[in-house]
Amino acid sequence: MTFEKTYEIVDNKLMINLPKEFKSKKRVRVIIEDVDDSRKRKLKLLKKASKDPLFLSDIKEVADDFQYSDKEVL
């Protein structure tokens, strides 16, 4: 079972209350990821991509390849 949630850090401490489904579990894996910076960075890259000629040409090529597949009857 996987449980994912973003938490606020208070005084450099993190408190995690696990869901009831985890009550019988003896071990869990915790991965700490800096969400704010990576999210901001990814949003910047997405905004850049919307103007990138190579990216736009790739998107057009994929759209052209699949233009008729939406019209096919299965």
N, C-alpha and C. Protein backbone atom coordinates (compact mmCIF):
# COMPACT_ATOMS: atom_id res chain seq x y z
N MET A 1 0.84 -1.17 0.00
CA MET A 1 0.00 0.00 0.00
C MET A 1 0.89 1.23 0.00
N THR A 2 0.47 2.23 -0.76
CA THR A 2 1.21 3.47 -0.83
C THR A 2 0.35 4.61 -0.33
N PHE A 3 0.94 5.47 0.45
CA PHE A 3 0.26 6.65 1.00
C PHE A 3 1.15 7.83 0.72
N GLU A 4 0.61 8.83 0.04
CA GLU A 4 1.41 10.00 -0.28
C GLU A 4 0.65 11.25 0.13
N LYS A 5 1.35 12.13 0.81
CA LYS A 5 0.74 13.37 1.27
C LYS A 5 1.86 14.40 1.47
N THR A 6 1.57 15.65 1.22
CA THR A 6 2.53 16.72 1.45
C THR A 6 2.29 17.31 2.82
N TYR A 7 3.35 17.45 3.59
CA TYR A 7 3.26 17.94 4.97
C TYR A 7 3.97 19.27 5.13
N GLU A 8 3.56 20.03 6.10
CA GLU A 8 4.25 21.27 6.47
C GLU A 8 5.31 20.94 7.51
N ILE A 9 6.43 21.62 7.42
CA ILE A 9 7.50 21.44 8.39
C ILE A 9 7.40 22.57 9.40
N VAL A 10 7.42 22.24 10.69
CA VAL A 10 7.34 23.23 11.76
C VAL A 10 8.57 23.07 12.64
N ASP A 11 9.34 24.13 12.80
CA ASP A 11 10.57 24.11 13.59
C ASP A 11 11.50 22.97 13.18
N ASN A 12 11.61 22.77 11.87
CA ASN A 12 12.46 21.73 11.30
C ASN A 12 12.08 20.33 11.75
N LYS A 13 10.80 20.13 12.09
CA LYS A 13 10.30 18.82 12.51
C LYS A 13 9.13 18.42 11.62
N LEU A 14 9.01 17.13 11.44
CA LEU A 14 7.94 16.58 10.62
C LEU A 14 7.21 15.51 11.42
N MET A 15 5.89 15.66 11.56
CA MET A 15 5.08 14.68 12.29
C MET A 15 4.14 14.02 11.28
N ILE A 16 4.20 12.70 11.20
CA ILE A 16 3.36 11.97 10.25
C ILE A 16 2.41 11.06 11.02
N ASN A 17 1.13 11.28 10.83
CA ASN A 17 0.11 10.38 11.36
C ASN A 17 -0.30 9.44 10.24
N LEU A 18 -0.05 8.17 10.44
CA LEU A 18 -0.34 7.19 9.40
C LEU A 18 -1.83 6.84 9.39
N PRO A 19 -2.36 6.47 8.21
CA PRO A 19 -3.75 6.03 8.13
C PRO A 19 -3.96 4.73 8.91
N LYS A 20 -5.19 4.44 9.25
CA LYS A 20 -5.52 3.24 10.02
C LYS A 20 -5.03 1.95 9.34
N GLU A 21 -5.01 1.95 8.02
CA GLU A 21 -4.59 0.76 7.28
C GLU A 21 -3.16 0.34 7.59
N PHE A 22 -2.38 1.24 8.14
CA PHE A 22 -0.98 0.96 8.45
C PHE A 22 -0.79 0.45 9.88
N LYS A 23 -1.85 0.33 10.63
CA LYS A 23 -1.74 -0.03 12.04
C LYS A 23 -0.98 -1.35 12.26
N SER A 24 -1.19 -2.32 11.41
CA SER A 24 -0.54 -3.63 11.58
C SER A 24 0.86 -3.68 10.97
N LYS A 25 1.27 -2.64 10.29
CA LYS A 25 2.59 -2.64 9.63
C LYS A 25 3.70 -2.38 10.64
N LYS A 26 4.82 -3.04 10.42
CA LYS A 26 5.99 -2.88 11.30
C LYS A 26 7.07 -2.00 10.67
N ARG A 27 7.03 -1.89 9.34
CA ARG A 27 8.04 -1.09 8.65
C ARG A 27 7.38 -0.31 7.52
N VAL A 28 7.86 0.89 7.30
CA VAL A 28 7.42 1.71 6.16
C VAL A 28 8.64 2.40 5.57
N ARG A 29 8.54 2.82 4.34
CA ARG A 29 9.62 3.55 3.68
C ARG A 29 9.24 5.02 3.64
N VAL A 30 10.16 5.87 4.05
CA VAL A 30 9.92 7.31 4.05
C VAL A 30 10.95 7.94 3.10
N ILE A 31 10.45 8.72 2.15
CA ILE A 31 11.31 9.43 1.22
C ILE A 31 11.01 10.91 1.38
N ILE A 32 12.04 11.69 1.63
CA ILE A 32 11.86 13.13 1.84
C ILE A 32 12.30 13.84 0.57
N GLU A 33 11.40 14.63 -0.01
CA GLU A 33 11.68 15.34 -1.24
C GLU A 33 11.32 16.81 -1.05
N ASP A 34 12.19 17.67 -1.49
CA ASP A 34 11.93 19.11 -1.40
C ASP A 34 10.90 19.47 -2.46
N VAL A 35 9.67 19.58 -2.07
CA VAL A 35 8.55 19.76 -3.00
C VAL A 35 8.53 21.15 -3.61
N ASP A 36 8.70 22.17 -2.81
CA ASP A 36 8.54 23.53 -3.30
C ASP A 36 9.50 23.87 -4.44
N ASP A 37 10.77 23.62 -4.24
CA ASP A 37 11.75 23.97 -5.26
C ASP A 37 11.56 23.15 -6.52
N SER A 38 11.35 21.86 -6.39
CA SER A 38 11.21 21.04 -7.58
C SER A 38 9.92 21.39 -8.32
N ARG A 39 8.87 21.72 -7.60
CA ARG A 39 7.62 22.09 -8.25
C ARG A 39 7.77 23.40 -9.02
N LYS A 40 8.39 24.38 -8.39
CA LYS A 40 8.62 25.67 -9.05
C LYS A 40 9.50 25.48 -10.30
N ARG A 41 10.53 24.67 -10.15
CA ARG A 41 11.44 24.43 -11.27
C ARG A 41 10.71 23.75 -12.42
N LYS A 42 9.88 22.76 -12.10
CA LYS A 42 9.13 22.05 -13.14
C LYS A 42 8.13 22.96 -13.83
N LEU A 43 7.47 23.82 -13.08
CA LEU A 43 6.53 24.76 -13.69
C LEU A 43 7.25 25.73 -14.63
N LYS A 44 8.44 26.17 -14.23
CA LYS A 44 9.23 27.04 -15.10
C LYS A 44 9.57 26.33 -16.41
N LEU A 45 9.98 25.06 -16.29
CA LEU A 45 10.33 24.30 -17.49
C LEU A 45 9.12 24.08 -18.39
N LEU A 46 7.95 23.82 -17.79
CA LEU A 46 6.75 23.65 -18.59
C LEU A 46 6.39 24.93 -19.34
N LYS A 47 6.53 26.07 -18.68
CA LYS A 47 6.25 27.35 -19.33
C LYS A 47 7.23 27.58 -20.49
N LYS A 48 8.50 27.22 -20.27
CA LYS A 48 9.50 27.36 -21.32
C LYS A 48 9.18 26.45 -22.50
N ALA A 49 8.73 25.24 -22.21
CA ALA A 49 8.45 24.26 -23.26
C ALA A 49 7.36 24.75 -24.21
N SER A 50 6.42 25.53 -23.69
CA SER A 50 5.33 26.00 -24.55
C SER A 50 5.81 26.94 -25.65
N LYS A 51 7.06 27.40 -25.54
CA LYS A 51 7.63 28.29 -26.56
C LYS A 51 8.83 27.66 -27.28
N ASP A 52 9.20 26.46 -26.89
CA ASP A 52 10.37 25.79 -27.45
C ASP A 52 10.02 25.19 -28.82
N PRO A 53 10.67 25.64 -29.89
CA PRO A 53 10.33 25.15 -31.24
C PRO A 53 10.52 23.64 -31.40
N LEU A 54 11.57 23.08 -30.82
CA LEU A 54 11.80 21.64 -30.95
C LEU A 54 10.71 20.85 -30.24
N PHE A 55 10.34 21.27 -29.05
CA PHE A 55 9.26 20.62 -28.31
C PHE A 55 7.95 20.72 -29.08
N LEU A 56 7.64 21.90 -29.58
CA LEU A 56 6.40 22.10 -30.33
C LEU A 56 6.36 21.26 -31.59
N SER A 57 7.48 21.12 -32.26
CA SER A 57 7.51 20.29 -33.47
C SER A 57 7.33 18.81 -33.11
N ASP A 58 7.89 18.39 -31.97
CA ASP A 58 7.67 17.01 -31.52
C ASP A 58 6.20 16.75 -31.22
N ILE A 59 5.56 17.70 -30.55
CA ILE A 59 4.15 17.55 -30.22
C ILE A 59 3.31 17.49 -31.50
N LYS A 60 3.63 18.34 -32.47
CA LYS A 60 2.89 18.33 -33.74
C LYS A 60 3.07 17.00 -34.46
N GLU A 61 4.28 16.48 -34.44
CA GLU A 61 4.56 15.20 -35.10
C GLU A 61 3.76 14.07 -34.46
N VAL A 62 3.71 14.04 -33.15
CA VAL A 62 2.92 13.01 -32.46
C VAL A 62 1.44 13.17 -32.77
N ALA A 63 0.96 14.40 -32.76
CA ALA A 63 -0.46 14.65 -33.07
C ALA A 63 -0.78 14.20 -34.50
N ASP A 64 0.14 14.48 -35.44
CA ASP A 64 -0.07 14.05 -36.83
C ASP A 64 -0.10 12.53 -36.93
N ASP A 65 0.77 11.87 -36.19
CA ASP A 65 0.81 10.40 -36.22
C ASP A 65 -0.49 9.77 -35.74
N PHE A 66 -1.16 10.42 -34.81
CA PHE A 66 -2.36 9.85 -34.20
C PHE A 66 -3.65 10.53 -34.64
N GLN A 67 -3.59 11.37 -35.65
CA GLN A 67 -4.77 12.13 -36.04
C GLN A 67 -5.94 11.25 -36.47
N TYR A 68 -5.66 10.08 -37.04
CA TYR A 68 -6.74 9.22 -37.50
C TYR A 68 -7.15 8.16 -36.48
N SER A 69 -6.29 7.92 -35.50
CA SER A 69 -6.60 6.86 -34.53
C SER A 69 -7.82 7.19 -33.69
N ASP A 70 -8.09 8.46 -33.45
CA ASP A 70 -9.29 8.84 -32.69
C ASP A 70 -10.56 8.54 -33.47
N LYS A 71 -10.46 8.48 -34.77
CA LYS A 71 -11.65 8.26 -35.61
C LYS A 71 -11.91 6.78 -35.88
N GLU A 72 -10.95 5.92 -35.52
CA GLU A 72 -11.10 4.48 -35.76
C GLU A 72 -12.14 3.89 -34.82
N VAL A 73 -12.88 2.92 -35.34
CA VAL A 73 -13.87 2.21 -34.52
C VAL A 73 -13.25 0.90 -34.09
N LEU A 74 -13.30 0.64 -32.79
CA LEU A 74 -12.70 -0.61 -32.29
C LEU A 74 -13.71 -1.72 -32.34
